[in-house]
Amino acid sequence: MSWGLTFEKLLLIGLIAVILIGPDRLPGYAAQFGRLIRSLRDMANGAKDRLREEMGPDYDDVDWKKLDPRQYDPRRIIREALTDESAPPTRPGQSPGVGVAAAPVRESAYAQRQRLLREGRPAPFDSEAT
């Protein structure tokens, strides 16, 4: 089901506005709506200019499309995370594959709980968690 704003829906909204507001007052409301849209656009441009001033030359280096939340698809992110073969874990500040062997990886709380349940032992309980 698509809830997008189509031309037909806009036409229907306009027709309802003409009936409810009346043809005498409609031009005044349309002008007021136009001023509102113009002021919102000016506010957005002002915020953009202020951000550009405060960030300085770094503003042009930011990839704004990369920060657009509409591009994130949780299914794609999970799929990539599950199929991505990651490098072996390293200690903070250590380059992968360089120097001493990596520190042992701590077991996650979920993995620890599952292991304890398989072994027939009670899972850890935190009395302060609730």
C-alpha atoms as a PDB file:
ATOM      1  CA  MET A   1       0.000   0.000   0.000  1.00  0.00           C
ATOM      2  CA  SER A   2       1.433   3.346  -1.011  1.00  0.00           C
ATOM      3  CA  TRP A   3       0.750   6.398   1.139  1.00  0.00           C
ATOM      4  CA  GLY A   4       2.675   8.780  -1.129  1.00  0.00           C
ATOM      5  CA  LEU A   5       1.339  12.201  -2.029  1.00  0.00           C
ATOM      6  CA  THR A   6       0.175  11.906  -5.624  1.00  0.00           C
ATOM      7  CA  PHE A   7      -1.316  14.477  -7.980  1.00  0.00           C
ATOM      8  CA  GLU A   8      -4.796  13.027  -7.462  1.00  0.00           C
ATOM      9  CA  LYS A   9      -4.515  13.399  -3.688  1.00  0.00           C
ATOM     10  CA  LEU A  10      -3.307  17.001  -4.022  1.00  0.00           C
ATOM     11  CA  LEU A  11      -6.210  17.742  -6.357  1.00  0.00           C
ATOM     12  CA  LEU A  12      -8.653  16.249  -3.851  1.00  0.00           C
ATOM     13  CA  ILE A  13      -7.148  18.293  -1.004  1.00  0.00           C
ATOM     14  CA  GLY A  14      -7.430  21.443  -3.155  1.00  0.00           C
ATOM     15  CA  LEU A  15     -11.058  20.695  -3.969  1.00  0.00           C
ATOM     16  CA  ILE A  16     -11.903  20.152  -0.299  1.00  0.00           C
ATOM     17  CA  ALA A  17     -10.098  23.406   0.577  1.00  0.00           C
ATOM     18  CA  VAL A  18     -12.133  25.319  -2.032  1.00  0.00           C
ATOM     19  CA  ILE A  19     -15.374  23.904  -0.633  1.00  0.00           C
ATOM     20  CA  LEU A  20     -14.513  24.437   3.048  1.00  0.00           C
ATOM     21  CA  ILE A  21     -12.736  27.803   2.830  1.00  0.00           C
ATOM     22  CA  GLY A  22     -14.706  29.212  -0.039  1.00  0.00           C
ATOM     23  CA  PRO A  23     -13.504  30.919  -3.188  1.00  0.00           C
ATOM     24  CA  ASP A  24     -13.506  34.373  -1.549  1.00  0.00           C
ATOM     25  CA  ARG A  25     -10.968  33.579   1.195  1.00  0.00           C
ATOM     26  CA  LEU A  26      -8.905  30.985  -0.703  1.00  0.00           C
ATOM     27  CA  PRO A  27      -6.477  33.468  -2.388  1.00  0.00           C
ATOM     28  CA  GLY A  28      -5.601  34.997   1.008  1.00  0.00           C
ATOM     29  CA  TYR A  29      -4.930  31.582   2.513  1.00  0.00           C
ATOM     30  CA  ALA A  30      -2.901  30.534  -0.530  1.00  0.00           C
ATOM     31  CA  ALA A  31      -0.733  33.669  -0.204  1.00  0.00           C
ATOM     32  CA  GLN A  32      -0.286  33.012   3.514  1.00  0.00           C
ATOM     33  CA  PHE A  33       0.687  29.397   2.780  1.00  0.00           C
ATOM     34  CA  GLY A  34       3.193  30.627   0.171  1.00  0.00           C
ATOM     35  CA  ARG A  35       4.773  32.991   2.726  1.00  0.00           C
ATOM     36  CA  LEU A  36       5.022  30.127   5.227  1.00  0.00           C
ATOM     37  CA  ILE A  37       6.788  27.886   2.714  1.00  0.00           C
ATOM     38  CA  ARG A  38       9.135  30.752   1.728  1.00  0.00           C
ATOM     39  CA  SER A  39      10.016  31.447   5.386  1.00  0.00           C
ATOM     40  CA  LEU A  40      10.676  27.744   6.038  1.00  0.00           C
ATOM     41  CA  ARG A  41      12.960  27.602   2.999  1.00  0.00           C
ATOM     42  CA  ASP A  42      14.808  30.736   4.181  1.00  0.00           C
ATOM     43  CA  MET A  43      15.240  29.228   7.664  1.00  0.00           C
ATOM     44  CA  ALA A  44      16.664  26.022   6.182  1.00  0.00           C
ATOM     45  CA  ASN A  45      19.058  27.972   3.967  1.00  0.00           C
ATOM     46  CA  GLY A  46      20.095  30.126   6.949  1.00  0.00           C
ATOM     47  CA  ALA A  47      20.836  27.025   9.015  1.00  0.00           C
ATOM     48  CA  LYS A  48      22.841  25.580   6.143  1.00  0.00           C
ATOM     49  CA  ASP A  49      24.849  28.819   5.768  1.00  0.00           C
ATOM     50  CA  ARG A  50      25.487  29.001   9.505  1.00  0.00           C
ATOM     51  CA  LEU A  51      26.664  25.399   9.549  1.00  0.00           C
ATOM     52  CA  ARG A  52      28.971  26.137   6.629  1.00  0.00           C
ATOM     53  CA  GLU A  53      30.416  29.164   8.504  1.00  0.00           C
ATOM     54  CA  GLU A  54      30.959  27.239  11.740  1.00  0.00           C
ATOM     55  CA  MET A  55      32.497  24.163  10.112  1.00  0.00           C
ATOM     56  CA  GLY A  56      34.721  26.154   7.791  1.00  0.00           C
ATOM     57  CA  PRO A  57      36.470  24.269   5.014  1.00  0.00           C
ATOM     58  CA  ASP A  58      35.517  20.916   6.560  1.00  0.00           C
ATOM     59  CA  TYR A  59      31.919  21.485   5.433  1.00  0.00           C
ATOM     60  CA  ASP A  60      32.803  20.737   1.813  1.00  0.00           C
ATOM     61  CA  ASP A  61      34.615  17.527   2.802  1.00  0.00           C
ATOM     62  CA  VAL A  62      31.523  15.956   4.410  1.00  0.00           C
ATOM     63  CA  ASP A  63      29.678  13.429   2.267  1.00  0.00           C
ATOM     64  CA  TRP A  64      26.115  14.494   3.131  1.00  0.00           C
ATOM     65  CA  LYS A  65      24.500  11.731   1.060  1.00  0.00           C
ATOM     66  CA  LYS A  66      26.300   9.182   3.196  1.00  0.00           C
ATOM     67  CA  LEU A  67      24.609  10.647   6.301  1.00  0.00           C
ATOM     68  CA  ASP A  68      21.093  10.537   4.816  1.00  0.00           C
ATOM     69  CA  PRO A  69      19.018   8.206   7.036  1.00  0.00           C
ATOM     70  CA  ARG A  70      16.758   7.240   4.120  1.00  0.00           C
ATOM     71  CA  GLN A  71      19.578   5.223   2.554  1.00  0.00           C
ATOM     72  CA  TYR A  72      19.866   2.760   5.429  1.00  0.00           C
ATOM     73  CA  ASP A  73      18.088  -0.527   4.901  1.00  0.00           C
ATOM     74  CA  PRO A  74      18.325  -2.684   8.030  1.00  0.00           C
ATOM     75  CA  ARG A  75      18.018  -5.877   5.984  1.00  0.00           C
ATOM     76  CA  ARG A  76      20.996  -4.882   3.802  1.00  0.00           C
ATOM     77  CA  ILE A  77      23.090  -3.881   6.827  1.00  0.00           C
ATOM     78  CA  ILE A  78      22.406  -7.191   8.586  1.00  0.00           C
ATOM     79  CA  ARG A  79      23.033  -9.180   5.403  1.00  0.00           C
ATOM     80  CA  GLU A  80      26.388  -7.428   4.877  1.00  0.00           C
ATOM     81  CA  ALA A  81      27.360  -7.904   8.524  1.00  0.00           C
ATOM     82  CA  LEU A  82      26.574 -11.624   8.393  1.00  0.00           C
ATOM     83  CA  THR A  83      28.365 -12.278   5.118  1.00  0.00           C
ATOM     84  CA  ASP A  84      31.368 -10.043   5.856  1.00  0.00           C
ATOM     85  CA  GLU A  85      34.423 -11.996   6.894  1.00  0.00           C
ATOM     86  CA  SER A  86      36.054  -9.870   9.542  1.00  0.00           C
ATOM     87  CA  ALA A  87      39.709  -9.844  10.479  1.00  0.00           C
ATOM     88  CA  PRO A  88      40.743 -11.510  13.738  1.00  0.00           C
ATOM     89  CA  PRO A  89      40.192  -9.240  16.741  1.00  0.00           C
ATOM     90  CA  THR A  90      43.116  -7.197  18.040  1.00  0.00           C
ATOM     91  CA  ARG A  91      43.863  -5.204  21.145  1.00  0.00           C
ATOM     92  CA  PRO A  92      43.112  -1.467  21.019  1.00  0.00           C
ATOM     93  CA  GLY A  93      45.988   0.417  19.416  1.00  0.00           C
ATOM     94  CA  GLN A  94      47.434  -2.704  17.796  1.00  0.00           C
ATOM     95  CA  SER A  95      47.477  -3.081  14.041  1.00  0.00           C
ATOM     96  CA  PRO A  96      45.903  -6.287  12.732  1.00  0.00           C
ATOM     97  CA  GLY A  97      48.449  -9.004  12.031  1.00  0.00           C
ATOM     98  CA  VAL A  98      51.357  -7.096  13.605  1.00  0.00           C
ATOM     99  CA  GLY A  99      53.274  -7.898  16.753  1.00  0.00           C
ATOM    100  CA  VAL A 100      52.089 -10.174  19.542  1.00  0.00           C
ATOM    101  CA  ALA A 101      49.081 -12.434  19.181  1.00  0.00           C
ATOM    102  CA  ALA A 102      45.724 -10.813  19.807  1.00  0.00           C
ATOM    103  CA  ALA A 103      44.229 -10.853  23.288  1.00  0.00           C
ATOM    104  CA  PRO A 104      41.526 -13.490  23.812  1.00  0.00           C
ATOM    105  CA  VAL A 105      38.083 -12.327  22.793  1.00  0.00           C
ATOM    106  CA  ARG A 106      35.605 -12.041  25.657  1.00  0.00           C
ATOM    107  CA  GLU A 107      32.500 -14.141  25.345  1.00  0.00           C
ATOM    108  CA  SER A 108      29.316 -12.118  24.846  1.00  0.00           C
ATOM    109  CA  ALA A 109      26.666 -12.244  27.554  1.00  0.00           C
ATOM    110  CA  TYR A 110      24.297 -14.054  25.194  1.00  0.00           C
ATOM    111  CA  ALA A 111      26.907 -16.652  24.239  1.00  0.00           C
ATOM    112  CA  GLN A 112      27.822 -17.136  27.914  1.00  0.00           C
ATOM    113  CA  ARG A 113      24.152 -17.652  28.843  1.00  0.00           C
ATOM    114  CA  GLN A 114      23.650 -20.171  26.029  1.00  0.00           C
ATOM    115  CA  ARG A 115      26.808 -22.075  27.024  1.00  0.00           C
ATOM    116  CA  LEU A 116      25.753 -22.241  30.680  1.00  0.00           C
ATOM    117  CA  LEU A 117      22.269 -23.452  29.727  1.00  0.00           C
ATOM    118  CA  ARG A 118      23.753 -26.195  27.507  1.00  0.00           C
ATOM    119  CA  GLU A 119      25.972 -27.281  30.403  1.00  0.00           C
ATOM    120  CA  GLY A 120      22.936 -27.456  32.711  1.00  0.00           C
ATOM    121  CA  ARG A 121      24.180 -24.658  34.982  1.00  0.00           C
ATOM    122  CA  PRO A 122      22.054 -21.635  35.891  1.00  0.00           C
ATOM    123  CA  ALA A 123      22.655 -18.499  33.903  1.00  0.00           C
ATOM    124  CA  PRO A 124      24.163 -15.503  35.731  1.00  0.00           C
ATOM    125  CA  PHE A 125      21.614 -13.217  37.381  1.00  0.00           C
ATOM    126  CA  ASP A 126      22.025  -9.531  38.142  1.00  0.00           C
ATOM    127  CA  SER A 127      19.734  -8.489  41.007  1.00  0.00           C
ATOM    128  CA  GLU A 128      20.282  -4.790  40.191  1.00  0.00           C
ATOM    129  CA  ALA A 129      19.197  -5.142  36.556  1.00  0.00           C
ATOM    130  CA  THR A 130      15.516  -4.570  37.250  1.00  0.00           C
END
